[in-house]
Amino acid sequence: MFRTPASIAVGAFPRITGKRRTFRRLRNTVPSRLQQQQLTFVQHQRNNSCNSSASCDPHTHSRVTSASQIPFLYRLWHLYLEPLIALSGAYHLALHPALYFSYMPASAHYSPASRIVYNQLASAYLAFAVIEALVLRSTDDIRVWKTVMWALLVCDAGHAYASWVEMGTRGFWCAWEWGGKDAVTMGLTGGAGGG
């Protein structure tokens, strides 16, 4: 007898129903992915991998530390002082670039023809201020803090490299030879002994 696809489906229906009932029974005994994550999380907590001062993230099973547990000096520097310094740098670069350049190494000179570069750098300083003042305040996740700190460390390394190129090795490392403005610049951009 010739069977059409429709007749195969109709003829197979009782078998599918039977399998569906079996599947429902299996589905009730096999935990879902969310149930597995919750079960793993509970087992993880029972193993005391997380202490009582920090909570655990059920998705990564890693300890999440509250931003309030970040040392006071880090919070003071990154939430208040450095954003103000970055805003000051952005202001001076955008509106008074000649004054800004008075704090650069003596070999660096202000050029009005490079105004676009000063405005772009002012925008970057503004971004640093916003990231530190707003993004770090908006989260208690230590991973976000660490990520931002690594990004700022890379930026500070770039600033230190630029200072080293401009000042030379001796001028960069010999802090006792720095003038007052050199000390301010190097201290703020992460030179020898800087932050």
Protein backbone atom coordinates (compact mmCIF):
# COMPACT_ATOMS: atom_id res chain seq x y z
CA MET A 1 0.00 0.00 0.00
CA PHE A 2 1.23 3.44 -0.88
CA ARG A 3 1.43 5.84 2.10
CA THR A 4 1.45 9.60 1.76
CA PRO A 5 3.32 11.77 4.22
CA ALA A 6 -0.01 12.80 5.78
CA SER A 7 -1.05 9.19 6.35
CA ILE A 8 2.36 8.41 7.86
CA ALA A 9 1.93 11.29 10.29
CA VAL A 10 -1.61 10.22 11.19
CA GLY A 11 -0.57 6.60 11.56
CA ALA A 12 2.40 7.53 13.72
CA PHE A 13 0.44 9.81 16.02
CA PRO A 14 -0.30 7.25 18.77
CA ARG A 15 3.39 6.32 18.93
CA ILE A 16 4.42 10.00 19.25
CA THR A 17 1.90 10.47 22.06
CA GLY A 18 3.39 7.53 23.90
CA LYS A 19 6.88 8.94 23.51
CA ARG A 20 5.63 12.33 24.63
CA ARG A 21 4.39 10.85 27.89
CA THR A 22 7.74 9.15 28.41
CA PHE A 23 9.52 12.42 27.64
CA ARG A 24 7.38 14.24 30.24
CA ARG A 25 8.33 11.70 32.87
CA LEU A 26 12.02 12.07 31.96
CA ARG A 27 11.78 15.85 31.89
CA ASN A 28 10.49 15.85 35.45
CA THR A 29 13.45 13.79 36.63
CA VAL A 30 16.21 15.59 34.69
CA PRO A 31 17.00 19.03 36.16
CA SER A 32 16.89 22.03 33.85
CA ARG A 33 20.00 24.11 33.22
CA LEU A 34 18.85 26.73 35.74
CA GLN A 35 18.18 24.01 38.31
CA GLN A 36 21.66 22.59 37.67
CA GLN A 37 23.22 26.04 38.17
CA GLN A 38 21.28 26.54 41.39
CA LEU A 39 22.24 23.09 42.61
CA THR A 40 25.91 23.71 41.80
CA PHE A 41 25.71 27.08 43.55
CA VAL A 42 24.24 25.51 46.70
CA GLN A 43 26.93 22.81 46.67
CA HIS A 44 29.56 25.51 46.17
CA GLN A 45 28.27 27.43 49.20
CA ARG A 46 28.22 24.26 51.29
CA ASN A 47 31.90 23.72 50.50
CA ASN A 48 32.58 27.11 52.15
CA SER A 49 34.36 28.40 49.08
CA CYS A 50 32.79 31.76 49.86
CA ASN A 51 33.15 33.28 53.26
CA SER A 52 30.43 35.21 55.03
CA SER A 53 31.88 38.65 54.16
CA ALA A 54 31.36 38.18 50.41
CA SER A 55 28.60 36.73 48.29
CA CYS A 56 29.05 34.27 45.46
CA ASP A 57 28.00 34.81 41.86
CA PRO A 58 25.94 31.73 40.86
CA HIS A 59 27.02 31.99 37.22
CA THR A 60 30.78 32.17 37.71
CA HIS A 61 30.97 30.63 41.19
CA SER A 62 33.56 33.23 42.07
CA ARG A 63 33.68 35.47 45.06
CA VAL A 64 32.18 38.89 44.44
CA THR A 65 33.49 41.56 46.75
CA SER A 66 31.51 44.70 47.41
CA ALA A 67 33.04 47.97 46.23
CA SER A 68 32.71 49.15 49.82
CA GLN A 69 35.48 46.67 50.66
CA ILE A 70 37.87 48.48 48.30
CA PRO A 71 40.52 50.31 50.34
CA PHE A 72 39.69 53.90 51.22
CA LEU A 73 42.68 55.34 49.37
CA TYR A 74 41.64 53.66 46.10
CA ARG A 75 38.10 54.97 46.46
CA LEU A 76 39.33 58.45 47.37
CA TRP A 77 41.74 58.57 44.43
CA HIS A 78 39.58 56.98 41.73
CA LEU A 79 36.17 58.38 42.70
CA TYR A 80 37.16 61.93 43.66
CA LEU A 81 40.74 63.09 43.09
CA GLU A 82 41.65 61.61 39.71
CA PRO A 83 38.32 62.63 38.07
CA LEU A 84 38.91 66.21 39.29
CA ILE A 85 42.47 66.15 37.95
CA ALA A 86 41.23 64.76 34.62
CA LEU A 87 38.54 67.46 34.43
CA SER A 88 41.19 70.08 35.16
CA GLY A 89 43.38 68.69 32.39
CA ALA A 90 40.44 68.67 29.97
CA TYR A 91 39.59 72.27 30.88
CA HIS A 92 43.16 73.48 30.43
CA LEU A 93 43.68 71.57 27.18
CA ALA A 94 40.45 72.84 25.66
CA LEU A 95 40.55 76.46 26.85
CA HIS A 96 44.13 77.24 27.93
CA PRO A 97 46.50 74.86 26.11
CA ALA A 98 49.52 77.16 26.53
CA LEU A 99 49.11 76.98 30.31
CA TYR A 100 48.74 73.20 30.08
CA PHE A 101 52.03 73.02 28.18
CA SER A 102 53.83 74.94 30.91
CA TYR A 103 53.53 71.70 32.94
CA MET A 104 55.03 69.52 30.21
CA PRO A 105 58.77 68.78 29.93
CA ALA A 106 60.79 71.80 28.75
CA SER A 107 61.42 70.22 25.35
CA ALA A 108 57.65 70.10 24.58
CA HIS A 109 56.32 73.29 22.99
CA TYR A 110 52.83 74.62 22.47
CA SER A 111 51.78 75.00 18.85
CA PRO A 112 48.46 76.69 17.96
CA ALA A 113 48.42 74.67 14.72
CA SER A 114 47.93 71.47 16.80
CA ARG A 115 44.71 72.66 18.42
CA ILE A 116 42.75 69.60 17.20
CA VAL A 117 45.13 67.30 19.04
CA TYR A 118 44.66 69.28 22.26
CA ASN A 119 40.87 69.09 21.92
CA GLN A 120 41.01 65.33 21.28
CA LEU A 121 43.19 64.82 24.34
CA ALA A 122 40.78 66.98 26.35
CA SER A 123 37.96 64.65 25.23
CA ALA A 124 39.97 61.63 26.37
CA TYR A 125 40.54 63.23 29.78
CA LEU A 126 36.83 63.95 30.00
CA ALA A 127 36.12 60.27 29.25
CA PHE A 128 38.50 59.20 32.05
CA ALA A 129 36.74 61.53 34.47
CA VAL A 130 33.30 60.20 33.52
CA ILE A 131 34.38 56.56 33.69
CA GLU A 132 35.95 56.96 37.10
CA ALA A 133 33.41 59.32 38.63
CA LEU A 134 30.25 57.70 37.26
CA VAL A 135 30.90 54.12 36.14
CA LEU A 136 32.83 53.11 39.25
CA ARG A 137 30.16 54.68 41.45
CA SER A 138 27.40 52.78 39.64
CA THR A 139 28.60 49.28 40.51
CA ASP A 140 29.56 47.18 43.50
CA ASP A 141 31.16 44.52 41.31
CA ILE A 142 34.86 44.20 42.01
CA ARG A 143 35.40 42.80 38.50
CA VAL A 144 34.31 46.12 36.99
CA TRP A 145 36.70 47.98 39.28
CA LYS A 146 39.57 45.68 38.33
CA THR A 147 38.81 46.04 34.63
CA VAL A 148 38.77 49.84 34.83
CA MET A 149 41.99 49.81 36.89
CA TRP A 150 43.74 47.69 34.24
CA ALA A 151 42.55 50.04 31.49
CA LEU A 152 43.83 53.05 33.42
CA LEU A 153 47.12 51.28 34.06
CA VAL A 154 47.58 50.79 30.31
CA CYS A 155 46.80 54.48 29.77
CA ASP A 156 49.27 55.52 32.51
CA ALA A 157 51.92 53.32 30.91
CA GLY A 158 51.35 55.20 27.64
CA HIS A 159 51.70 58.54 29.43
CA ALA A 160 54.87 57.37 31.16
CA TYR A 161 56.29 56.15 27.85
CA ALA A 162 55.54 59.53 26.21
CA SER A 163 57.31 61.30 29.10
CA TRP A 164 60.29 58.96 28.81
CA VAL A 165 60.55 59.58 25.05
CA GLU A 166 60.41 63.34 25.61
CA MET A 167 62.69 63.56 28.67
CA GLY A 168 65.13 60.76 27.93
CA THR A 169 66.12 57.97 30.29
CA ARG A 170 68.10 60.13 32.68
CA GLY A 171 65.47 62.85 32.86
CA PHE A 172 62.73 60.29 33.36
CA TRP A 173 64.34 58.27 36.15
CA CYS A 174 66.29 60.96 38.05
CA ALA A 175 63.52 62.45 40.15
CA TRP A 176 65.97 64.70 42.02
CA GLU A 177 66.60 66.57 38.77
CA TRP A 178 62.95 67.31 38.10
CA GLY A 179 61.64 70.83 38.45
CA GLY A 180 58.43 71.50 40.37
CA LYS A 181 56.22 71.20 37.29
CA ASP A 182 58.06 68.07 36.12
CA ALA A 183 57.39 66.48 39.51
CA VAL A 184 53.68 67.28 39.23
CA THR A 185 53.49 65.90 35.69
CA MET A 186 55.47 62.78 36.44
CA GLY A 187 53.69 62.15 39.71
CA LEU A 188 50.27 62.32 38.08
CA THR A 189 51.12 60.26 35.00
CA GLY A 190 52.90 57.42 36.74
CA GLY A 191 56.58 58.28 36.29
CA ALA A 192 59.22 57.05 38.72
CA GLY A 193 57.49 57.22 42.07
CA GLY A 194 54.28 58.52 40.49
CA GLY A 195 50.70 57.33 40.96
